[in-house]
């Protein structure tokens, strides 16, 4: 919806009657919205939880490589032991 700013008023052309809202009232509304802190804590906790999740995902990725290497080494040793037992 397009709005036209005129001196000290906001006029919306879509209305059948020209409705004007004083800019001082809009300024007060904007300031009250900007100073409202409700929900800010929830947003901060959400961001913190996201960072923790990224850290956990990175740690699990690095740990999975190490666990995979450990199982490969155990598998190689198991094959080596069974080959020496079969050759006797």
PDB file of N, CA and C in Angstrom:
ATOM      1  N   UNK A   1       0.850  -1.156   0.000  1.00  0.00           N
ATOM      2  CA  UNK A   1       0.000   0.000   0.000  1.00  0.00           C
ATOM      3  C   UNK A   1       0.899   1.223   0.000  1.00  0.00           C
ATOM      4  N   UNK A   2       0.729   2.022  -0.960  1.00  0.00           N
ATOM      5  CA  UNK A   2       1.550   3.227  -1.070  1.00  0.00           C
ATOM      6  C   UNK A   2       1.014   4.296  -0.146  1.00  0.00           C
ATOM      7  N   UNK A   3       1.899   4.978   0.504  1.00  0.00           N
ATOM      8  CA  UNK A   3       1.522   6.083   1.382  1.00  0.00           C
ATOM      9  C   UNK A   3       2.278   7.317   0.956  1.00  0.00           C
ATOM     10  N   UNK A   4       1.646   8.447   1.141  1.00  0.00           N
ATOM     11  CA  UNK A   4       2.253   9.717   0.752  1.00  0.00           C
ATOM     12  C   UNK A   4       2.474  10.536   2.013  1.00  0.00           C
ATOM     13  N   UNK A   5       3.701  11.004   2.204  1.00  0.00           N
ATOM     14  CA  UNK A   5       3.997  11.862   3.339  1.00  0.00           C
ATOM     15  C   UNK A   5       3.699  13.305   2.961  1.00  0.00           C
ATOM     16  N   UNK A   6       2.960  13.950   3.806  1.00  0.00           N
ATOM     17  CA  UNK A   6       2.719  15.373   3.665  1.00  0.00           C
ATOM     18  C   UNK A   6       3.197  16.020   4.951  1.00  0.00           C
ATOM     19  N   UNK A   7       3.272  17.273   4.966  1.00  0.00           N
ATOM     20  CA  UNK A   7       3.802  17.980   6.119  1.00  0.00           C
ATOM     21  C   UNK A   7       2.979  17.653   7.371  1.00  0.00           C
ATOM     22  N   UNK A   8       3.651  17.038   8.379  1.00  0.00           N
ATOM     23  CA  UNK A   8       3.081  16.675   9.675  1.00  0.00           C
ATOM     24  C   UNK A   8       1.938  15.669   9.611  1.00  0.00           C
ATOM     25  N   UNK A   9       1.778  14.935   8.530  1.00  0.00           N
ATOM     26  CA  UNK A   9       0.712  13.946   8.466  1.00  0.00           C
ATOM     27  C   UNK A   9       1.068  12.849   7.476  1.00  0.00           C
ATOM     28  N   UNK A  10       0.485  11.673   7.708  1.00  0.00           N
ATOM     29  CA  UNK A  10       0.630  10.541   6.801  1.00  0.00           C
ATOM     30  C   UNK A  10      -0.734  10.304   6.172  1.00  0.00           C
ATOM     31  N   UNK A  11      -0.801  10.351   4.851  1.00  0.00           N
ATOM     32  CA  UNK A  11      -2.074  10.204   4.164  1.00  0.00           C
ATOM     33  C   UNK A  11      -2.030   8.925   3.353  1.00  0.00           C
ATOM     34  N   UNK A  12      -2.995   8.061   3.558  1.00  0.00           N
ATOM     35  CA  UNK A  12      -3.083   6.794   2.846  1.00  0.00           C
ATOM     36  C   UNK A  12      -4.075   6.949   1.699  1.00  0.00           C
ATOM     37  N   UNK A  13      -3.640   6.802   0.428  1.00  0.00           N
ATOM     38  CA  UNK A  13      -4.533   7.029  -0.706  1.00  0.00           C
ATOM     39  C   UNK A  13      -5.569   5.932  -0.908  1.00  0.00           C
ATOM     40  N   UNK A  14      -5.444   4.781  -0.251  1.00  0.00           N
ATOM     41  CA  UNK A  14      -6.380   3.694  -0.487  1.00  0.00           C
ATOM     42  C   UNK A  14      -7.709   3.904   0.231  1.00  0.00           C
ATOM     43  N   UNK A  15      -7.742   4.770   1.223  1.00  0.00           N
ATOM     44  CA  UNK A  15      -8.983   5.033   1.940  1.00  0.00           C
ATOM     45  C   UNK A  15      -9.892   5.917   1.083  1.00  0.00           C
ATOM     46  N   UNK A  16     -11.217   5.667   1.215  1.00  0.00           N
ATOM     47  CA  UNK A  16     -12.147   6.521   0.479  1.00  0.00           C
ATOM     48  C   UNK A  16     -12.120   7.932   1.052  1.00  0.00           C
ATOM     49  N   UNK A  17     -12.056   8.039   2.363  1.00  0.00           N
ATOM     50  CA  UNK A  17     -11.881   9.341   2.998  1.00  0.00           C
ATOM     51  C   UNK A  17     -10.392   9.500   3.281  1.00  0.00           C
ATOM     52  N   UNK A  18      -9.911  10.662   3.169  1.00  0.00           N
ATOM     53  CA  UNK A  18      -8.505  10.920   3.443  1.00  0.00           C
ATOM     54  C   UNK A  18      -8.301  10.915   4.949  1.00  0.00           C
ATOM     55  N   UNK A  19      -7.590   9.895   5.440  1.00  0.00           N
ATOM     56  CA  UNK A  19      -7.332   9.765   6.867  1.00  0.00           C
ATOM     57  C   UNK A  19      -5.927  10.268   7.151  1.00  0.00           C
ATOM     58  N   UNK A  20      -5.812  11.165   8.098  1.00  0.00           N
ATOM     59  CA  UNK A  20      -4.492  11.685   8.443  1.00  0.00           C
ATOM     60  C   UNK A  20      -4.132  11.263   9.846  1.00  0.00           C
ATOM     61  N   UNK A  21      -2.872  10.905  10.029  1.00  0.00           N
ATOM     62  CA  UNK A  21      -2.341  10.553  11.333  1.00  0.00           C
ATOM     63  C   UNK A  21      -1.175  11.486  11.588  1.00  0.00           C
ATOM     64  N   UNK A  22      -1.184  12.205  12.684  1.00  0.00           N
ATOM     65  CA  UNK A  22      -0.069  13.112  12.956  1.00  0.00           C
ATOM     66  C   UNK A  22       1.243  12.344  13.092  1.00  0.00           C
ATOM     67  N   UNK A  23       2.307  12.901  12.535  1.00  0.00           N
ATOM     68  CA  UNK A  23       3.609  12.234  12.603  1.00  0.00           C
ATOM     69  C   UNK A  23       4.108  12.133  14.026  1.00  0.00           C
ATOM     70  N   UNK A  24       3.712  13.035  14.903  1.00  0.00           N
ATOM     71  CA  UNK A  24       4.134  12.945  16.306  1.00  0.00           C
ATOM     72  C   UNK A  24       3.563  11.678  16.946  1.00  0.00           C
ATOM     73  N   UNK A  25       2.340  11.319  16.565  1.00  0.00           N
ATOM     74  CA  UNK A  25       1.747  10.090  17.093  1.00  0.00           C
ATOM     75  C   UNK A  25       2.487   8.868  16.554  1.00  0.00           C
ATOM     76  N   UNK A  26       2.854   8.897  15.286  1.00  0.00           N
ATOM     77  CA  UNK A  26       3.629   7.796  14.713  1.00  0.00           C
ATOM     78  C   UNK A  26       5.003   7.696  15.358  1.00  0.00           C
ATOM     79  N   UNK A  27       5.588   8.849  15.675  1.00  0.00           N
ATOM     80  CA  UNK A  27       6.892   8.858  16.331  1.00  0.00           C
ATOM     81  C   UNK A  27       6.781   8.229  17.717  1.00  0.00           C
ATOM     82  N   UNK A  28       5.729   8.565  18.466  1.00  0.00           N
ATOM     83  CA  UNK A  28       5.526   7.976  19.786  1.00  0.00           C
ATOM     84  C   UNK A  28       5.333   6.463  19.675  1.00  0.00           C
ATOM     85  N   UNK A  29       4.572   6.036  18.677  1.00  0.00           N
ATOM     86  CA  UNK A  29       4.352   4.612  18.466  1.00  0.00           C
ATOM     87  C   UNK A  29       5.662   3.907  18.145  1.00  0.00           C
ATOM     88  N   UNK A  30       6.466   4.506  17.283  1.00  0.00           N
ATOM     89  CA  UNK A  30       7.762   3.923  16.932  1.00  0.00           C
ATOM     90  C   UNK A  30       8.690   3.825  18.117  1.00  0.00           C
ATOM     91  N   UNK A  31       8.702   4.872  18.944  1.00  0.00           N
ATOM     92  CA  UNK A  31       9.548   4.844  20.138  1.00  0.00           C
ATOM     93  C   UNK A  31       9.077   3.802  21.136  1.00  0.00           C
ATOM     94  N   UNK A  32       7.771   3.639  21.275  1.00  0.00           N
ATOM     95  CA  UNK A  32       7.271   2.633  22.216  1.00  0.00           C
ATOM     96  C   UNK A  32       7.583   1.221  21.722  1.00  0.00           C
ATOM     97  N   UNK A  33       7.532   1.009  20.416  1.00  0.00           N
ATOM     98  CA  UNK A  33       7.875  -0.302  19.868  1.00  0.00           C
ATOM     99  C   UNK A  33       9.369  -0.565  20.036  1.00  0.00           C
ATOM    100  N   UNK A  34      10.187   0.450  19.797  1.00  0.00           N
ATOM    101  CA  UNK A  34      11.634   0.290  19.916  1.00  0.00           C
ATOM    102  C   UNK A  34      12.068   0.044  21.349  1.00  0.00           C
ATOM    103  N   UNK A  35      11.357   0.617  22.310  1.00  0.00           N
ATOM    104  CA  UNK A  35      11.748   0.456  23.712  1.00  0.00           C
ATOM    105  C   UNK A  35      11.143  -0.793  24.343  1.00  0.00           C
ATOM    106  N   UNK A  36      10.258  -1.480  23.646  1.00  0.00           N
ATOM    107  CA  UNK A  36       9.619  -2.683  24.168  1.00  0.00           C
ATOM    108  C   UNK A  36      10.629  -3.820  24.184  1.00  0.00           C
ATOM    109  N   UNK A  37      10.848  -4.434  25.351  1.00  0.00           N
ATOM    110  CA  UNK A  37      11.829  -5.510  25.474  1.00  0.00           C
ATOM    111  C   UNK A  37      11.189  -6.863  25.708  1.00  0.00           C
ATOM    112  N   UNK A  38       9.875  -6.951  25.622  1.00  0.00           N
ATOM    113  CA  UNK A  38       9.218  -8.243  25.789  1.00  0.00           C
ATOM    114  C   UNK A  38       9.652  -9.176  24.667  1.00  0.00           C
ATOM    115  N   UNK A  39      10.045 -10.363  25.018  1.00  0.00           N
ATOM    116  CA  UNK A  39      10.478 -11.335  24.027  1.00  0.00           C
ATOM    117  C   UNK A  39      11.956 -11.254  23.694  1.00  0.00           C
ATOM    118  N   UNK A  40      12.647 -10.228  24.159  1.00  0.00           N
ATOM    119  CA  UNK A  40      14.069 -10.098  23.854  1.00  0.00           C
ATOM    120  C   UNK A  40      14.868 -11.233  24.490  1.00  0.00           C
ATOM    121  N   UNK A  41      14.475 -11.626  25.692  1.00  0.00           N
ATOM    122  CA  UNK A  41      15.174 -12.714  26.370  1.00  0.00           C
ATOM    123  C   UNK A  41      14.995 -14.017  25.603  1.00  0.00           C
ATOM    124  N   UNK A  42      13.807 -14.256  25.097  1.00  0.00           N
ATOM    125  CA  UNK A  42      13.555 -15.473  24.330  1.00  0.00           C
ATOM    126  C   UNK A  42      14.407 -15.500  23.067  1.00  0.00           C
ATOM    127  N   UNK A  43      14.545 -14.368  22.425  1.00  0.00           N
ATOM    128  CA  UNK A  43      15.374 -14.290  21.226  1.00  0.00           C
ATOM    129  C   UNK A  43      16.835 -14.562  21.575  1.00  0.00           C
ATOM    130  N   UNK A  44      17.300 -13.984  22.691  1.00  0.00           N
ATOM    131  CA  UNK A  44      18.683 -14.212  23.106  1.00  0.00           C
ATOM    132  C   UNK A  44      18.926 -15.682  23.429  1.00  0.00           C
ATOM    133  N   UNK A  45      17.990 -16.309  24.132  1.00  0.00           N
ATOM    134  CA  UNK A  45      18.134 -17.733  24.432  1.00  0.00           C
ATOM    135  C   UNK A  45      18.094 -18.569  23.151  1.00  0.00           C
ATOM    136  N   UNK A  46      17.285 -18.176  22.198  1.00  0.00           N
ATOM    137  CA  UNK A  46      17.235 -18.892  20.919  1.00  0.00           C
ATOM    138  C   UNK A  46      18.549 -18.800  20.174  1.00  0.00           C
ATOM    139  N   UNK A  47      19.149 -17.603  20.156  1.00  0.00           N
ATOM    140  CA  UNK A  47      20.449 -17.449  19.508  1.00  0.00           C
ATOM    141  C   UNK A  47      21.521 -18.256  20.228  1.00  0.00           C
ATOM    142  N   UNK A  48      21.493 -18.252  21.548  1.00  0.00           N
ATOM    143  CA  UNK A  48      22.459 -19.019  22.327  1.00  0.00           C
ATOM    144  C   UNK A  48      22.301 -20.515  22.068  1.00  0.00           C
ATOM    145  N   UNK A  49      21.067 -20.990  22.020  1.00  0.00           N
ATOM    146  CA  UNK A  49      20.815 -22.410  21.740  1.00  0.00           C
ATOM    147  C   UNK A  49      21.300 -22.781  20.341  1.00  0.00           C
ATOM    148  N   UNK A  50      21.132 -21.878  19.386  1.00  0.00           N
ATOM    149  CA  UNK A  50      21.624 -22.133  18.034  1.00  0.00           C
ATOM    150  C   UNK A  50      23.139 -22.241  17.990  1.00  0.00           C
ATOM    151  N   UNK A  51      23.815 -21.365  18.710  1.00  0.00           N
ATOM    152  CA  UNK A  51      25.283 -21.430  18.761  1.00  0.00           C
ATOM    153  C   UNK A  51      25.765 -22.705  19.439  1.00  0.00           C
ATOM    154  N   UNK A  52      25.087 -23.115  20.502  1.00  0.00           N
ATOM    155  CA  UNK A  52      25.445 -24.367  21.176  1.00  0.00           C
ATOM    156  C   UNK A  52      25.236 -25.553  20.234  1.00  0.00           C
ATOM    157  N   UNK A  53      24.140 -25.544  19.492  1.00  0.00           N
ATOM    158  CA  UNK A  53      23.861 -26.639  18.551  1.00  0.00           C
ATOM    159  C   UNK A  53      24.928 -26.710  17.463  1.00  0.00           C
ATOM    160  N   UNK A  54      25.377 -25.553  16.973  1.00  0.00           N
ATOM    161  CA  UNK A  54      26.432 -25.544  15.959  1.00  0.00           C
ATOM    162  C   UNK A  54      27.728 -26.102  16.542  1.00  0.00           C
ATOM    163  N   UNK A  55      28.039 -25.720  17.782  1.00  0.00           N
ATOM    164  CA  UNK A  55      29.232 -26.245  18.449  1.00  0.00           C
ATOM    165  C   UNK A  55      29.171 -27.747  18.644  1.00  0.00           C
ATOM    166  N   UNK A  56      28.007 -28.247  19.051  1.00  0.00           N
ATOM    167  CA  UNK A  56      27.843 -29.690  19.243  1.00  0.00           C
ATOM    168  C   UNK A  56      27.977 -30.421  17.920  1.00  0.00           C
ATOM    169  N   UNK A  57      27.388 -29.879  16.873  1.00  0.00           N
ATOM    170  CA  UNK A  57      27.473 -30.530  15.553  1.00  0.00           C
ATOM    171  C   UNK A  57      28.919 -30.590  15.079  1.00  0.00           C
ATOM    172  N   UNK A  58      29.669 -29.515  15.274  1.00  0.00           N
ATOM    173  CA  UNK A  58      31.078 -29.523  14.885  1.00  0.00           C
ATOM    174  C   UNK A  58      31.887 -30.512  15.702  1.00  0.00           C
ATOM    175  N   UNK A  59      31.623 -30.580  16.994  1.00  0.00           N
ATOM    176  CA  UNK A  59      32.332 -31.523  17.861  1.00  0.00           C
ATOM    177  C   UNK A  59      32.020 -32.967  17.521  1.00  0.00           C
ATOM    178  N   UNK A  60      30.750 -33.246  17.244  1.00  0.00           N
ATOM    179  CA  UNK A  60      30.358 -34.610  16.882  1.00  0.00           C
ATOM    180  C   UNK A  60      30.987 -34.999  15.544  1.00  0.00           C
ATOM    181  N   UNK A  61      31.079 -34.057  14.620  1.00  0.00           N
ATOM    182  CA  UNK A  61      31.708 -34.349  13.327  1.00  0.00           C
ATOM    183  C   UNK A  61      33.170 -34.719  13.490  1.00  0.00           C
ATOM    184  N   UNK A  62      33.892 -33.976  14.322  1.00  0.00           N
ATOM    185  CA  UNK A  62      35.305 -34.278  14.565  1.00  0.00           C
ATOM    186  C   UNK A  62      35.451 -35.592  15.327  1.00  0.00           C
ATOM    187  N   UNK A  63      34.576 -35.815  16.289  1.00  0.00           N
ATOM    188  CA  UNK A  63      34.632 -37.040  17.077  1.00  0.00           C
ATOM    189  C   UNK A  63      34.309 -38.259  16.227  1.00  0.00           C
ATOM    190  N   UNK A  64      33.388 -38.131  15.280  1.00  0.00           N
ATOM    191  CA  UNK A  64      33.020 -39.276  14.443  1.00  0.00           C
ATOM    192  C   UNK A  64      34.195 -39.732  13.584  1.00  0.00           C
ATOM    193  N   UNK A  65      35.017 -38.791  13.130  1.00  0.00           N
ATOM    194  CA  UNK A  65      36.209 -39.179  12.362  1.00  0.00           C
ATOM    195  C   UNK A  65      37.166 -39.998  13.216  1.00  0.00           C
ATOM    196  N   UNK A  66      37.342 -39.585  14.472  1.00  0.00           N
ATOM    197  CA  UNK A  66      38.234 -40.318  15.373  1.00  0.00           C
ATOM    198  C   UNK A  66      37.687 -41.698  15.704  1.00  0.00           C
ATOM    199  N   UNK A  67      36.402 -41.803  15.949  1.00  0.00           N
ATOM    200  CA  UNK A  67      35.789 -43.096  16.255  1.00  0.00           C
ATOM    201  C   UNK A  67      35.879 -44.021  15.044  1.00  0.00           C
ATOM    202  N   UNK A  68      35.658 -43.470  13.854  1.00  0.00           N
ATOM    203  CA  UNK A  68      35.767 -44.265  12.635  1.00  0.00           C
ATOM    204  C   UNK A  68      37.189 -44.804  12.470  1.00  0.00           C
ATOM    205  N   UNK A  69      38.186 -43.982  12.710  1.00  0.00           N
ATOM    206  CA  UNK A  69      39.580 -44.404  12.626  1.00  0.00           C
ATOM    207  C   UNK A  69      39.885 -45.487  13.654  1.00  0.00           C
ATOM    208  N   UNK A  70      39.358 -45.338  14.874  1.00  0.00           N
ATOM    209  CA  UNK A  70      39.557 -46.331  15.925  1.00  0.00           C
ATOM    210  C   UNK A  70      38.978 -47.677  15.513  1.00  0.00           C
ATOM    211  N   UNK A  71      37.768 -47.704  14.964  1.00  0.00           N
ATOM    212  CA  UNK A  71      37.158 -48.964  14.539  1.00  0.00           C
ATOM    213  C   UNK A  71      37.916 -49.583  13.364  1.00  0.00           C
ATOM    214  N   UNK A  72      38.441 -48.767  12.471  1.00  0.00           N
ATOM    215  CA  UNK A  72      39.248 -49.307  11.383  1.00  0.00           C
ATOM    216  C   UNK A  72      40.510 -49.976  11.915  1.00  0.00           C
ATOM    217  N   UNK A  73      41.161 -49.346  12.899  1.00  0.00           N
ATOM    218  CA  UNK A  73      42.356 -49.943  13.500  1.00  0.00           C
ATOM    219  C   UNK A  73      42.023 -51.246  14.211  1.00  0.00           C
ATOM    220  N   UNK A  74      40.917 -51.275  14.953  1.00  0.00           N
ATOM    221  CA  UNK A  74      40.495 -52.504  15.638  1.00  0.00           C
ATOM    222  C   UNK A  74      40.183 -53.593  14.618  1.00  0.00           C
ATOM    223  N   UNK A  75      39.507 -53.216  13.528  1.00  0.00           N
ATOM    224  CA  UNK A  75      39.199 -54.191  12.478  1.00  0.00           C
ATOM    225  C   UNK A  75      40.459 -54.748  11.833  1.00  0.00           C
ATOM    226  N   UNK A  76      41.443 -53.895  11.564  1.00  0.00           N
ATOM    227  CA  UNK A  76      42.704 -54.356  10.971  1.00  0.00           C
ATOM    228  C   UNK A  76      43.429 -55.314  11.909  1.00  0.00           C
ATOM    229  N   UNK A  77      43.465 -54.984  13.195  1.00  0.00           N
ATOM    230  CA  UNK A  77      44.128 -55.865  14.162  1.00  0.00           C
ATOM    231  C   UNK A  77      43.392 -57.189  14.285  1.00  0.00           C
ATOM    232  N   UNK A  78      42.053 -57.154  14.233  1.00  0.00           N
ATOM    233  CA  UNK A  78      41.269 -58.385  14.319  1.00  0.00           C
ATOM    234  C   UNK A  78      41.552 -59.284  13.122  1.00  0.00           C
ATOM    235  N   UNK A  79      41.632 -58.700  11.935  1.00  0.00           N
ATOM    236  CA  UNK A  79      41.948 -59.473  10.731  1.00  0.00           C
ATOM    237  C   UNK A  79      43.350 -60.054  10.838  1.00  0.00           C
ATOM    238  N   UNK A  80      44.300 -59.279  11.344  1.00  0.00           N
ATOM    239  CA  UNK A  80      45.676 -59.759  11.476  1.00  0.00           C
ATOM    240  C   UNK A  80      45.757 -60.929  12.454  1.00  0.00           C
ATOM    241  N   UNK A  81      45.049 -60.842  13.582  1.00  0.00           N
ATOM    242  CA  UNK A  81      45.069 -61.918  14.575  1.00  0.00           C
ATOM    243  C   UNK A  81      44.407 -63.168  14.025  1.00  0.00           C
ATOM    244  N   UNK A  82      43.273 -63.035  13.344  1.00  0.00           N
ATOM    245  CA  UNK A  82      42.594 -64.213  12.800  1.00  0.00           C
ATOM    246  C   UNK A  82      43.424 -64.843  11.679  1.00  0.00           C
ATOM    247  N   UNK A  83      44.152 -64.051  10.914  1.00  0.00           N
ATOM    248  CA  UNK A  83      45.015 -64.630   9.869  1.00  0.00           C
ATOM    249  C   UNK A  83      46.158 -65.417  10.471  1.00  0.00           C
ATOM    250  N   UNK A  84      46.738 -64.923  11.564  1.00  0.00           N
ATOM    251  CA  UNK A  84      47.835 -65.679  12.197  1.00  0.00           C
ATOM    252  C   UNK A  84      47.310 -66.919  12.870  1.00  0.00           C
ATOM    253  N   UNK A  85      46.076 -66.892  13.394  1.00  0.00           N
ATOM    254  CA  UNK A  85      45.504 -68.088  14.028  1.00  0.00           C
ATOM    255  C   UNK A  85      45.175 -69.142  12.974  1.00  0.00           C
ATOM    256  N   UNK A  86      44.753 -68.737  11.785  1.00  0.00           N
ATOM    257  CA  UNK A  86      44.395 -69.674  10.731  1.00  0.00           C
ATOM    258  C   UNK A  86      45.640 -70.279  10.072  1.00  0.00           C
ATOM    259  N   UNK A  87      46.761 -69.548  10.095  1.00  0.00           N
ATOM    260  CA  UNK A  87      47.954 -70.068   9.435  1.00  0.00           C
ATOM    261  C   UNK A  87      48.684 -71.094  10.292  1.00  0.00           C
ATOM    262  N   UNK A  88      48.346 -71.182  11.590  1.00  0.00           N
ATOM    263  CA  UNK A  88      49.009 -72.182  12.454  1.00  0.00           C
ATOM    264  C   UNK A  88      48.459 -73.536  12.259  1.00  0.00           C
TER     265      UNK A  88
END
